[in-house]
Structure formats: C-alpha cells, structure tokens
Amino acid sequence: MAHPERTLLAGVMGWPVMHSRSPMLHNYWFAQHGLTGIYLPLAIEPDGIGPALRALQPLGFAGCNLTIPHKETGMAFVDEVEATALRIGAISCVTVRPDKSLIGTNNDGFGFIHGILEAVPDWRADAGPIVVMGAGGGARAVVLSLADRGAREIRVINRSPERAEGLAREFGAPIRAVPWEQRHEALEDAAMLVNTTSQGMVGQTPLDLSLERLPRHALVSDIVYIPRETPLLEEARKRGNKTVNGLGMLLHQGRPAFAGWFGVTPDVTPELRAMMEATI
C-alpha cells in the first residue's frame, strides 16, 4: 500500500480510450475505501506502448489496464507474464512490483466467470455443451476460463474457420471447432451460448445467428456491454432464456487489478452497478 501522503495512481492505456468506463469504476473504489488516488484514461498510440509502460514506475503509477490495441503487443514490454496470460496470449493488466519490475496478467477470464456467477449463482460450467461465438482475444480468455471451471465440451465457431481450428488445436480438449455453416445446428443441445465478437455492439451489425434450435433453459451471455442489451440478448430474453451482458465482466475484472495495485480487494455493489448502467 502506498504512503498516505502520496496520491495513488493507475490508469487504462488504449487507442482510442476516452470511451472506457474503467476510470469511473476504479475512482468509485478509491472513494469507497477512503483512498486518495486517481485512475486516468491514457490515450497511447500503438507504437507508443513500450515507452508508456516503462514510464509507469518513474511516474509513480501502481500499474495500468490495457485495452485495444495493446493487450498483445504490451507483452513484449513487461518483465514477466503470468501463466494464465501466457496461455491466453494477451495481458489486460500491468502491475509495478516493489523491485520496480513490471508483471503482466490477464483478468478477463476471472471477470467473465464472476460476472456470470453474480447474475446466476447456481451456474455450472459442466451443465452441458457450451457454444462460443468468435475466436479472437476475448474468446481465448472465455474459453480457457470455461475449461478451467470444468466445461466438458466447448464448441468454438468463427466466420474465419482457420482461427477457430487454430484455437482448438492449441488448447485441445474440451474445445473443438465447428464450421460457421453449422452454427445454427450447434445450438441444439447447448446449455450455454457466449458471444465474444463485437457483433451487436453499438455501431456494429447484429450477430448472424438464429436461436431457433437453442434450448430455452440455456444461458445466453454476451461480453458486449454497450448497449446493455444487444440484439442477441434481446432475442434470447424474449424467448425465455436467461441472459447476462458484459458489464459484469468489466466490473469483476477490475477487482484483482485494484487489489494487486493497492492492497484492497473491492466489491461489486448494487450502487456501483447502477452507477455504471446509468452511463450506458
């Protein structure tokens, strides 16, 4: 924990970054815990990520989060990458350690799982087949977290089949690639559907997926949180499926980051969630 006479500093590096809700989240926790600190949006161009990360310690920052486009390239500029982040192939959080070195971690999977559990406390990853749409960085974090929670079958579907096949080869069982053309049929006995693509986000077209064959007891999750209800989640809710948007993932991934930086483990409170929802 930093000395009380020192302002605690952290931030999020991205390009662009001013849309990020992370400053609101972490500054809420500063106030809640009576800490003198500030969390800043840091607009860092793609070729500036190395110097920016190396400036954290001299400037007195405890660390930072990384968002697009820095999650993969940032790995080259930290002194150590934690094992989970190595498996995912990206870092979402950088912490300045007491010896001034930088460690990169990835809290996206933690955020995803705990966002689901907050909304559906009795959820189990081994309840049945899980269909994951997308094979990018978000999918990698989601798929690994589901496998670590005991999922027995994870069907990864991506418009570019080679990415889904590559992910399945790299991670192995219980993950397997399903051709894009079979995406509708793949839902037939699913216990859960997760969208990890940007489809359905504000400004993007909806996900091209019919839910006709999806069981009505299946849980439908979308890592997108702007809008709060994507077209996918709206369709699922109207047909009777439980739905979870991506806001919980954002909120919960911040908890281990804040704890690592400042020695305090914060909670996701109803007040915090309501404050964040009011801005979406």
C-alpha atoms as a PDB file:
ATOM      1  CA  MET A   1       0.000   0.000   0.000  1.00  0.00           C
ATOM      2  CA  ALA A   2       1.296   3.441  -0.868  1.00  0.00           C
ATOM      3  CA  HIS A   3       2.085   6.015   1.832  1.00  0.00           C
ATOM      4  CA  PRO A   4      -0.921   8.204   2.791  1.00  0.00           C
ATOM      5  CA  GLU A   5       0.827  11.420   1.712  1.00  0.00           C
ATOM      6  CA  ARG A   6       1.132  10.079  -1.828  1.00  0.00           C
ATOM      7  CA  THR A   7      -1.612  10.151  -4.418  1.00  0.00           C
ATOM      8  CA  LEU A   8      -2.267   6.640  -5.709  1.00  0.00           C
ATOM      9  CA  LEU A   9      -2.123   6.401  -9.491  1.00  0.00           C
ATOM     10  CA  ALA A  10      -3.359   3.907 -12.075  1.00  0.00           C
ATOM     11  CA  GLY A  11      -4.966   4.102 -15.487  1.00  0.00           C
ATOM     12  CA  VAL A  12      -6.024   2.387 -18.677  1.00  0.00           C
ATOM     13  CA  MET A  13      -3.950   2.551 -21.864  1.00  0.00           C
ATOM     14  CA  GLY A  14      -5.754   2.269 -25.179  1.00  0.00           C
ATOM     15  CA  TRP A  15      -6.210   3.882 -28.592  1.00  0.00           C
ATOM     16  CA  PRO A  16      -8.889   5.179 -28.527  1.00  0.00           C
ATOM     17  CA  VAL A  17      -9.584   5.134 -24.789  1.00  0.00           C
ATOM     18  CA  MET A  18     -11.858   8.025 -23.763  1.00  0.00           C
ATOM     19  CA  HIS A  19     -14.945   5.802 -24.080  1.00  0.00           C
ATOM     20  CA  SER A  20     -13.661   3.466 -21.343  1.00  0.00           C
ATOM     21  CA  ARG A  21     -15.799   3.041 -18.209  1.00  0.00           C
ATOM     22  CA  SER A  22     -12.777   1.820 -16.202  1.00  0.00           C
ATOM     23  CA  PRO A  23     -11.966   5.284 -14.739  1.00  0.00           C
ATOM     24  CA  MET A  24     -15.482   5.518 -13.302  1.00  0.00           C
ATOM     25  CA  LEU A  25     -15.116   2.030 -11.835  1.00  0.00           C
ATOM     26  CA  HIS A  26     -11.752   2.484 -10.137  1.00  0.00           C
ATOM     27  CA  ASN A  27     -12.399   6.051  -8.982  1.00  0.00           C
ATOM     28  CA  TYR A  28     -15.569   4.771  -7.303  1.00  0.00           C
ATOM     29  CA  TRP A  29     -13.443   2.247  -5.395  1.00  0.00           C
ATOM     30  CA  PHE A  30     -10.946   4.951  -4.359  1.00  0.00           C
ATOM     31  CA  ALA A  31     -13.795   6.930  -2.838  1.00  0.00           C
ATOM     32  CA  GLN A  32     -15.480   3.886  -1.302  1.00  0.00           C
ATOM     33  CA  HIS A  33     -12.309   2.850   0.518  1.00  0.00           C
ATOM     34  CA  GLY A  34     -11.247   6.350   1.515  1.00  0.00           C
ATOM     35  CA  LEU A  35      -8.095   6.270  -0.624  1.00  0.00           C
ATOM     36  CA  THR A  36      -6.504   9.361  -2.131  1.00  0.00           C
ATOM     37  CA  GLY A  37      -5.989   8.330  -5.707  1.00  0.00           C
ATOM     38  CA  ILE A  38      -6.965   8.771  -9.313  1.00  0.00           C
ATOM     39  CA  TYR A  39      -7.386   6.395 -12.259  1.00  0.00           C
ATOM     40  CA  LEU A  40      -6.835   8.013 -15.644  1.00  0.00           C
ATOM     41  CA  PRO A  41      -7.634   7.240 -19.292  1.00  0.00           C
ATOM     42  CA  LEU A  42      -4.281   7.223 -21.108  1.00  0.00           C
ATOM     43  CA  ALA A  43      -4.509   7.619 -24.877  1.00  0.00           C
ATOM     44  CA  ILE A  44      -1.435   5.749 -26.133  1.00  0.00           C
ATOM     45  CA  GLU A  45      -0.859   5.301 -29.855  1.00  0.00           C
ATOM     46  CA  PRO A  46       0.058   1.764 -30.957  1.00  0.00           C
ATOM     47  CA  ASP A  47       3.776   2.474 -31.384  1.00  0.00           C
ATOM     48  CA  GLY A  48       3.979   4.203 -28.012  1.00  0.00           C
ATOM     49  CA  ILE A  49       3.052   1.322 -25.733  1.00  0.00           C
ATOM     50  CA  GLY A  50       6.645   0.381 -24.838  1.00  0.00           C
ATOM     51  CA  PRO A  51       7.750   3.820 -23.604  1.00  0.00           C
ATOM     52  CA  ALA A  52       4.376   4.294 -21.886  1.00  0.00           C
ATOM     53  CA  LEU A  53       4.686   1.077 -19.878  1.00  0.00           C
ATOM     54  CA  ARG A  54       8.290   1.818 -18.939  1.00  0.00           C
ATOM     55  CA  ALA A  55       7.170   5.235 -17.665  1.00  0.00           C
ATOM     56  CA  LEU A  56       4.741   3.756 -15.126  1.00  0.00           C
ATOM     57  CA  GLN A  57       7.254   3.268 -12.336  1.00  0.00           C
ATOM     58  CA  PRO A  58       9.137   6.605 -12.704  1.00  0.00           C
ATOM     59  CA  LEU A  59       5.815   8.475 -12.730  1.00  0.00           C
ATOM     60  CA  GLY A  60       4.634   6.751  -9.557  1.00  0.00           C
ATOM     61  CA  PHE A  61       1.894   4.595 -11.082  1.00  0.00           C
ATOM     62  CA  ALA A  62       0.977   1.362  -9.320  1.00  0.00           C
ATOM     63  CA  GLY A  63       0.043  -0.108 -12.689  1.00  0.00           C
ATOM     64  CA  CYS A  64      -2.456   0.077 -15.511  1.00  0.00           C
ATOM     65  CA  ASN A  65      -5.012  -1.822 -17.525  1.00  0.00           C
ATOM     66  CA  LEU A  66      -4.519  -2.417 -21.227  1.00  0.00           C
ATOM     67  CA  THR A  67      -7.240  -2.372 -23.837  1.00  0.00           C
ATOM     68  CA  ILE A  68      -7.323  -2.446 -27.639  1.00  0.00           C
ATOM     69  CA  PRO A  69      -4.823  -2.417 -29.364  1.00  0.00           C
ATOM     70  CA  HIS A  70      -2.245  -3.018 -26.612  1.00  0.00           C
ATOM     71  CA  LYS A  71      -3.188  -6.347 -24.997  1.00  0.00           C
ATOM     72  CA  GLU A  72      -0.927  -8.466 -27.187  1.00  0.00           C
ATOM     73  CA  THR A  73       1.859  -6.022 -28.060  1.00  0.00           C
ATOM     74  CA  GLY A  74       2.214  -4.957 -24.424  1.00  0.00           C
ATOM     75  CA  MET A  75       3.510  -8.411 -23.519  1.00  0.00           C
ATOM     76  CA  ALA A  76       6.881  -7.573 -25.060  1.00  0.00           C
ATOM     77  CA  PHE A  77       7.461  -4.661 -22.676  1.00  0.00           C
ATOM     78  CA  VAL A  78       6.900  -6.242 -19.269  1.00  0.00           C
ATOM     79  CA  ASP A  79       9.477  -8.176 -17.280  1.00  0.00           C
ATOM     80  CA  GLU A  80       7.232 -11.172 -16.593  1.00  0.00           C
ATOM     81  CA  VAL A  81       3.975 -12.528 -17.982  1.00  0.00           C
ATOM     82  CA  GLU A  82       1.845 -14.567 -15.580  1.00  0.00           C
ATOM     83  CA  ALA A  83       0.958 -18.125 -16.650  1.00  0.00           C
ATOM     84  CA  THR A  84      -2.729 -17.546 -17.445  1.00  0.00           C
ATOM     85  CA  ALA A  85      -1.895 -14.517 -19.562  1.00  0.00           C
ATOM     86  CA  LEU A  86       0.718 -16.566 -21.420  1.00  0.00           C
ATOM     87  CA  ARG A  87      -1.910 -19.180 -22.247  1.00  0.00           C
ATOM     88  CA  ILE A  88      -4.350 -16.506 -23.429  1.00  0.00           C
ATOM     89  CA  GLY A  89      -1.644 -14.703 -25.376  1.00  0.00           C
ATOM     90  CA  ALA A  90      -2.520 -11.254 -24.063  1.00  0.00           C
ATOM     91  CA  ILE A  91      -2.259  -9.122 -20.936  1.00  0.00           C
ATOM     92  CA  SER A  92      -5.046  -6.901 -19.610  1.00  0.00           C
ATOM     93  CA  CYS A  93      -3.272  -5.617 -16.503  1.00  0.00           C
ATOM     94  CA  VAL A  94       0.248  -4.458 -15.625  1.00  0.00           C
ATOM     95  CA  THR A  95       1.465  -4.102 -12.041  1.00  0.00           C
ATOM     96  CA  VAL A  96       4.606  -2.322 -10.862  1.00  0.00           C
ATOM     97  CA  ARG A  97       6.232  -4.579  -8.269  1.00  0.00           C
ATOM     98  CA  PRO A  98       8.271  -3.402  -5.258  1.00  0.00           C
ATOM     99  CA  ASP A  99      11.507  -4.133  -7.125  1.00  0.00           C
ATOM    100  CA  LYS A 100      10.279  -1.770  -9.918  1.00  0.00           C
ATOM    101  CA  SER A 101       9.743  -4.611 -12.397  1.00  0.00           C
ATOM    102  CA  LEU A 102       6.528  -4.988 -14.391  1.00  0.00           C
ATOM    103  CA  ILE A 103       4.333  -8.095 -14.379  1.00  0.00           C
ATOM    104  CA  GLY A 104       1.559  -8.616 -16.906  1.00  0.00           C
ATOM    105  CA  THR A 105      -1.600 -10.546 -16.021  1.00  0.00           C
ATOM    106  CA  ASN A 106      -4.942 -11.199 -17.669  1.00  0.00           C
ATOM    107  CA  ASN A 107      -8.100 -10.803 -15.596  1.00  0.00           C
ATOM    108  CA  ASP A 108     -10.624 -11.118 -18.434  1.00  0.00           C
ATOM    109  CA  GLY A 109     -11.465 -14.769 -17.716  1.00  0.00           C
ATOM    110  CA  PHE A 110     -11.848 -14.034 -13.997  1.00  0.00           C
ATOM    111  CA  GLY A 111     -14.159 -11.144 -14.847  1.00  0.00           C
ATOM    112  CA  PHE A 112     -16.229 -13.263 -17.219  1.00  0.00           C
ATOM    113  CA  ILE A 113     -16.755 -16.137 -14.778  1.00  0.00           C
ATOM    114  CA  HIS A 114     -17.566 -13.912 -11.800  1.00  0.00           C
ATOM    115  CA  GLY A 115     -19.896 -11.782 -13.901  1.00  0.00           C
ATOM    116  CA  ILE A 116     -21.837 -14.957 -14.753  1.00  0.00           C
ATOM    117  CA  LEU A 117     -21.871 -16.132 -11.132  1.00  0.00           C
ATOM    118  CA  GLU A 118     -23.082 -12.747  -9.900  1.00  0.00           C
ATOM    119  CA  ALA A 119     -26.079 -12.974 -12.239  1.00  0.00           C
ATOM    120  CA  VAL A 120     -26.677 -16.743 -11.951  1.00  0.00           C
ATOM    121  CA  PRO A 121     -25.193 -18.012  -8.651  1.00  0.00           C
ATOM    122  CA  ASP A 122     -26.025 -21.666  -9.331  1.00  0.00           C
ATOM    123  CA  TRP A 123     -24.462 -21.678 -12.816  1.00  0.00           C
ATOM    124  CA  ARG A 124     -22.151 -24.593 -13.581  1.00  0.00           C
ATOM    125  CA  ALA A 125     -19.745 -24.835 -16.499  1.00  0.00           C
ATOM    126  CA  ASP A 126     -20.245 -28.602 -16.690  1.00  0.00           C
ATOM    127  CA  ALA A 127     -24.036 -28.408 -17.131  1.00  0.00           C
ATOM    128  CA  GLY A 128     -23.787 -29.210 -20.841  1.00  0.00           C
ATOM    129  CA  PRO A 129     -22.200 -28.163 -24.132  1.00  0.00           C
ATOM    130  CA  ILE A 130     -21.150 -24.513 -24.422  1.00  0.00           C
ATOM    131  CA  VAL A 131     -21.117 -22.688 -27.748  1.00  0.00           C
ATOM    132  CA  VAL A 132     -18.670 -19.791 -28.065  1.00  0.00           C
ATOM    133  CA  MET A 133     -19.021 -17.417 -30.992  1.00  0.00           C
ATOM    134  CA  GLY A 134     -15.712 -15.888 -32.059  1.00  0.00           C
ATOM    135  CA  ALA A 135     -12.065 -16.912 -31.845  1.00  0.00           C
ATOM    136  CA  GLY A 136     -10.257 -13.683 -31.021  1.00  0.00           C
ATOM    137  CA  GLY A 137      -8.667 -12.449 -27.810  1.00  0.00           C
ATOM    138  CA  GLY A 138     -11.946 -12.300 -25.913  1.00  0.00           C
ATOM    139  CA  ALA A 139     -12.781 -15.844 -26.959  1.00  0.00           C
ATOM    140  CA  ARG A 140      -9.398 -17.129 -25.796  1.00  0.00           C
ATOM    141  CA  ALA A 141      -9.943 -15.737 -22.290  1.00  0.00           C
ATOM    142  CA  VAL A 142     -13.530 -17.007 -22.136  1.00  0.00           C
ATOM    143  CA  VAL A 143     -12.732 -20.487 -23.470  1.00  0.00           C
ATOM    144  CA  LEU A 144      -9.835 -21.037 -21.073  1.00  0.00           C
ATOM    145  CA  SER A 145     -11.858 -19.838 -18.086  1.00  0.00           C
ATOM    146  CA  LEU A 146     -14.734 -22.169 -19.015  1.00  0.00           C
ATOM    147  CA  ALA A 147     -12.362 -25.112 -19.422  1.00  0.00           C
ATOM    148  CA  ASP A 148     -10.760 -24.345 -16.051  1.00  0.00           C
ATOM    149  CA  ARG A 149     -14.243 -24.330 -14.468  1.00  0.00           C
ATOM    150  CA  GLY A 150     -14.880 -27.869 -15.711  1.00  0.00           C
ATOM    151  CA  ALA A 151     -16.698 -27.421 -19.038  1.00  0.00           C
ATOM    152  CA  ARG A 152     -16.863 -30.779 -20.769  1.00  0.00           C
ATOM    153  CA  GLU A 153     -17.492 -29.582 -24.334  1.00  0.00           C
ATOM    154  CA  ILE A 154     -16.822 -26.145 -25.807  1.00  0.00           C
ATOM    155  CA  ARG A 155     -17.785 -25.569 -29.443  1.00  0.00           C
ATOM    156  CA  VAL A 156     -15.927 -22.617 -30.962  1.00  0.00           C
ATOM    157  CA  ILE A 157     -17.454 -21.065 -34.068  1.00  0.00           C
ATOM    158  CA  ASN A 158     -15.868 -18.308 -36.113  1.00  0.00           C
ATOM    159  CA  ARG A 159     -16.614 -16.840 -39.521  1.00  0.00           C
ATOM    160  CA  SER A 160     -12.955 -17.459 -40.462  1.00  0.00           C
ATOM    161  CA  PRO A 161     -12.686 -21.195 -39.716  1.00  0.00           C
ATOM    162  CA  GLU A 162      -8.899 -21.290 -39.529  1.00  0.00           C
ATOM    163  CA  ARG A 163      -8.937 -19.146 -36.369  1.00  0.00           C
ATOM    164  CA  ALA A 164     -11.377 -21.463 -34.603  1.00  0.00           C
ATOM    165  CA  GLU A 165      -9.441 -24.524 -35.752  1.00  0.00           C
ATOM    166  CA  GLY A 166      -6.173 -22.994 -34.598  1.00  0.00           C
ATOM    167  CA  LEU A 167      -7.619 -22.217 -31.171  1.00  0.00           C
ATOM    168  CA  ALA A 168      -8.934 -25.778 -30.827  1.00  0.00           C
ATOM    169  CA  ARG A 169      -5.572 -27.270 -31.841  1.00  0.00           C
ATOM    170  CA  GLU A 170      -3.680 -25.040 -29.448  1.00  0.00           C
ATOM    171  CA  PHE A 171      -5.841 -25.643 -26.375  1.00  0.00           C
ATOM    172  CA  GLY A 172      -7.077 -29.162 -27.071  1.00  0.00           C
ATOM    173  CA  ALA A 173      -9.954 -30.874 -25.273  1.00  0.00           C
ATOM    174  CA  PRO A 174     -12.655 -29.980 -24.350  1.00  0.00           C
ATOM    175  CA  ILE A 175     -12.501 -27.370 -27.131  1.00  0.00           C
ATOM    176  CA  ARG A 176     -13.396 -28.177 -30.709  1.00  0.00           C
ATOM    177  CA  ALA A 177     -14.023 -26.044 -33.775  1.00  0.00           C
ATOM    178  CA  VAL A 178     -17.399 -26.125 -35.530  1.00  0.00           C
ATOM    179  CA  PRO A 179     -17.752 -24.809 -39.110  1.00  0.00           C
ATOM    180  CA  TRP A 180     -19.549 -21.476 -39.493  1.00  0.00           C
ATOM    181  CA  GLU A 181     -22.132 -23.151 -41.723  1.00  0.00           C
ATOM    182  CA  GLN A 182     -23.143 -25.415 -38.818  1.00  0.00           C
ATOM    183  CA  ARG A 183     -23.558 -22.606 -36.257  1.00  0.00           C
ATOM    184  CA  HIS A 184     -27.347 -22.911 -36.012  1.00  0.00           C
ATOM    185  CA  GLU A 185     -27.314 -26.693 -35.570  1.00  0.00           C
ATOM    186  CA  ALA A 186     -24.541 -26.440 -32.967  1.00  0.00           C
ATOM    187  CA  LEU A 187     -27.012 -24.797 -30.564  1.00  0.00           C
ATOM    188  CA  GLU A 188     -29.363 -27.764 -30.469  1.00  0.00           C
ATOM    189  CA  ASP A 189     -28.340 -29.254 -27.098  1.00  0.00           C
ATOM    190  CA  ALA A 190     -26.333 -26.351 -25.714  1.00  0.00           C
ATOM    191  CA  ALA A 191     -26.516 -25.357 -22.048  1.00  0.00           C
ATOM    192  CA  MET A 192     -24.845 -22.011 -22.728  1.00  0.00           C
ATOM    193  CA  LEU A 193     -24.154 -19.634 -25.610  1.00  0.00           C
ATOM    194  CA  VAL A 194     -21.468 -16.926 -25.385  1.00  0.00           C
ATOM    195  CA  ASN A 195     -20.842 -14.177 -27.929  1.00  0.00           C
ATOM    196  CA  THR A 196     -17.253 -12.927 -27.759  1.00  0.00           C
ATOM    197  CA  THR A 197     -17.349 -10.972 -31.030  1.00  0.00           C
ATOM    198  CA  SER A 198     -18.081  -7.259 -31.442  1.00  0.00           C
ATOM    199  CA  GLN A 199     -21.255  -8.075 -33.372  1.00  0.00           C
ATOM    200  CA  GLY A 200     -24.199  -6.384 -31.665  1.00  0.00           C
ATOM    201  CA  MET A 201     -22.065  -3.606 -30.190  1.00  0.00           C
ATOM    202  CA  VAL A 202     -23.185  -0.033 -30.860  1.00  0.00           C
ATOM    203  CA  GLY A 203     -22.325   0.713 -34.483  1.00  0.00           C
ATOM    204  CA  GLN A 204     -21.937  -2.965 -35.421  1.00  0.00           C
ATOM    205  CA  THR A 205     -24.329  -5.318 -37.185  1.00  0.00           C
ATOM    206  CA  PRO A 206     -26.108  -7.961 -35.044  1.00  0.00           C
ATOM    207  CA  LEU A 207     -24.638 -11.436 -34.712  1.00  0.00           C
ATOM    208  CA  ASP A 208     -25.793 -13.618 -37.614  1.00  0.00           C
ATOM    209  CA  LEU A 209     -27.180 -16.475 -35.551  1.00  0.00           C
ATOM    210  CA  SER A 210     -30.663 -17.960 -35.268  1.00  0.00           C
ATOM    211  CA  LEU A 211     -31.669 -19.095 -31.775  1.00  0.00           C
ATOM    212  CA  GLU A 212     -34.459 -21.333 -33.042  1.00  0.00           C
ATOM    213  CA  ARG A 213     -32.658 -24.537 -32.023  1.00  0.00           C
ATOM    214  CA  LEU A 214     -31.283 -23.249 -28.712  1.00  0.00           C
ATOM    215  CA  PRO A 215     -32.935 -24.885 -25.669  1.00  0.00           C
ATOM    216  CA  ARG A 216     -34.929 -22.380 -23.629  1.00  0.00           C
ATOM    217  CA  HIS A 217     -33.122 -23.409 -20.455  1.00  0.00           C
ATOM    218  CA  ALA A 218     -29.767 -22.376 -21.955  1.00  0.00           C
ATOM    219  CA  LEU A 219     -27.949 -19.335 -20.580  1.00  0.00           C
ATOM    220  CA  VAL A 220     -27.033 -16.676 -23.154  1.00  0.00           C
ATOM    221  CA  SER A 221     -24.102 -14.361 -22.454  1.00  0.00           C
ATOM    222  CA  ASP A 222     -22.582 -11.514 -24.439  1.00  0.00           C
ATOM    223  CA  ILE A 223     -19.279  -9.892 -23.472  1.00  0.00           C
ATOM    224  CA  VAL A 224     -20.507  -6.657 -25.107  1.00  0.00           C
ATOM    225  CA  TYR A 225     -21.899  -4.158 -22.586  1.00  0.00           C
ATOM    226  CA  ILE A 226     -22.686  -1.193 -24.847  1.00  0.00           C
ATOM    227  CA  PRO A 227     -25.603  -1.437 -25.434  1.00  0.00           C
ATOM    228  CA  ARG A 228     -26.701  -3.128 -22.215  1.00  0.00           C
ATOM    229  CA  GLU A 229     -28.904  -5.452 -24.256  1.00  0.00           C
ATOM    230  CA  THR A 230     -27.543  -6.489 -27.626  1.00  0.00           C
ATOM    231  CA  PRO A 231     -29.906  -7.829 -30.309  1.00  0.00           C
ATOM    232  CA  LEU A 232     -28.735 -11.342 -29.350  1.00  0.00           C
ATOM    233  CA  LEU A 233     -29.645 -10.854 -25.696  1.00  0.00           C
ATOM    234  CA  GLU A 234     -32.950  -9.213 -26.580  1.00  0.00           C
ATOM    235  CA  GLU A 235     -33.958 -12.141 -28.777  1.00  0.00           C
ATOM    236  CA  ALA A 236     -32.861 -14.646 -26.121  1.00  0.00           C
ATOM    237  CA  ARG A 237     -34.763 -12.847 -23.336  1.00  0.00           C
ATOM    238  CA  LYS A 238     -37.949 -12.654 -25.384  1.00  0.00           C
ATOM    239  CA  ARG A 239     -37.892 -16.403 -26.000  1.00  0.00           C
ATOM    240  CA  GLY A 240     -37.353 -17.156 -22.307  1.00  0.00           C
ATOM    241  CA  ASN A 241     -33.603 -17.704 -21.955  1.00  0.00           C
ATOM    242  CA  LYS A 242     -31.667 -16.244 -19.033  1.00  0.00           C
ATOM    243  CA  THR A 243     -29.252 -13.576 -20.264  1.00  0.00           C
ATOM    244  CA  VAL A 244     -26.076 -11.923 -18.958  1.00  0.00           C
ATOM    245  CA  ASN A 245     -24.434  -8.923 -20.606  1.00  0.00           C
ATOM    246  CA  GLY A 246     -20.767  -7.934 -20.492  1.00  0.00           C
ATOM    247  CA  LEU A 247     -20.956  -5.308 -17.748  1.00  0.00           C
ATOM    248  CA  GLY A 248     -20.308  -7.875 -15.024  1.00  0.00           C
ATOM    249  CA  MET A 249     -17.143  -8.978 -16.834  1.00  0.00           C
ATOM    250  CA  LEU A 250     -15.906  -5.374 -16.879  1.00  0.00           C
ATOM    251  CA  LEU A 251     -16.719  -4.823 -13.205  1.00  0.00           C
ATOM    252  CA  HIS A 252     -15.242  -8.061 -11.903  1.00  0.00           C
ATOM    253  CA  GLN A 253     -12.033  -7.978 -13.958  1.00  0.00           C
ATOM    254  CA  GLY A 254     -11.228  -4.746 -12.149  1.00  0.00           C
ATOM    255  CA  ARG A 255     -11.252  -6.350  -8.707  1.00  0.00           C
ATOM    256  CA  PRO A 256      -7.957  -8.323  -8.894  1.00  0.00           C
ATOM    257  CA  ALA A 257      -6.320  -5.377 -10.664  1.00  0.00           C
ATOM    258  CA  PHE A 258      -7.249  -2.930  -7.884  1.00  0.00           C
ATOM    259  CA  ALA A 259      -6.205  -5.459  -5.232  1.00  0.00           C
ATOM    260  CA  GLY A 260      -2.831  -6.011  -6.895  1.00  0.00           C
ATOM    261  CA  TRP A 261      -2.133  -2.312  -7.181  1.00  0.00           C
ATOM    262  CA  PHE A 262      -3.397  -1.020  -3.844  1.00  0.00           C
ATOM    263  CA  GLY A 263      -3.746  -3.974  -1.460  1.00  0.00           C
ATOM    264  CA  VAL A 264      -7.523  -3.622  -1.123  1.00  0.00           C
ATOM    265  CA  THR A 265      -9.973  -6.099  -2.676  1.00  0.00           C
ATOM    266  CA  PRO A 266     -13.084  -4.149  -3.713  1.00  0.00           C
ATOM    267  CA  ASP A 267     -16.629  -5.416  -4.167  1.00  0.00           C
ATOM    268  CA  VAL A 268     -19.127  -5.025  -6.974  1.00  0.00           C
ATOM    269  CA  THR A 269     -22.010  -3.369  -5.155  1.00  0.00           C
ATOM    270  CA  PRO A 270     -25.554  -2.671  -6.415  1.00  0.00           C
ATOM    271  CA  GLU A 271     -24.736   1.040  -6.150  1.00  0.00           C
ATOM    272  CA  LEU A 272     -21.682   0.628  -8.373  1.00  0.00           C
ATOM    273  CA  ARG A 273     -23.572  -1.410 -10.950  1.00  0.00           C
ATOM    274  CA  ALA A 274     -26.433   1.115 -11.029  1.00  0.00           C
ATOM    275  CA  MET A 275     -23.983   3.994 -11.465  1.00  0.00           C
ATOM    276  CA  MET A 276     -22.276   2.244 -14.373  1.00  0.00           C
ATOM    277  CA  GLU A 277     -25.558   1.205 -16.015  1.00  0.00           C
ATOM    278  CA  ALA A 278     -26.749   4.802 -15.924  1.00  0.00           C
ATOM    279  CA  THR A 279     -23.940   5.760 -18.308  1.00  0.00           C
ATOM    280  CA  ILE A 280     -24.653   3.047 -20.896  1.00  0.00           C
END
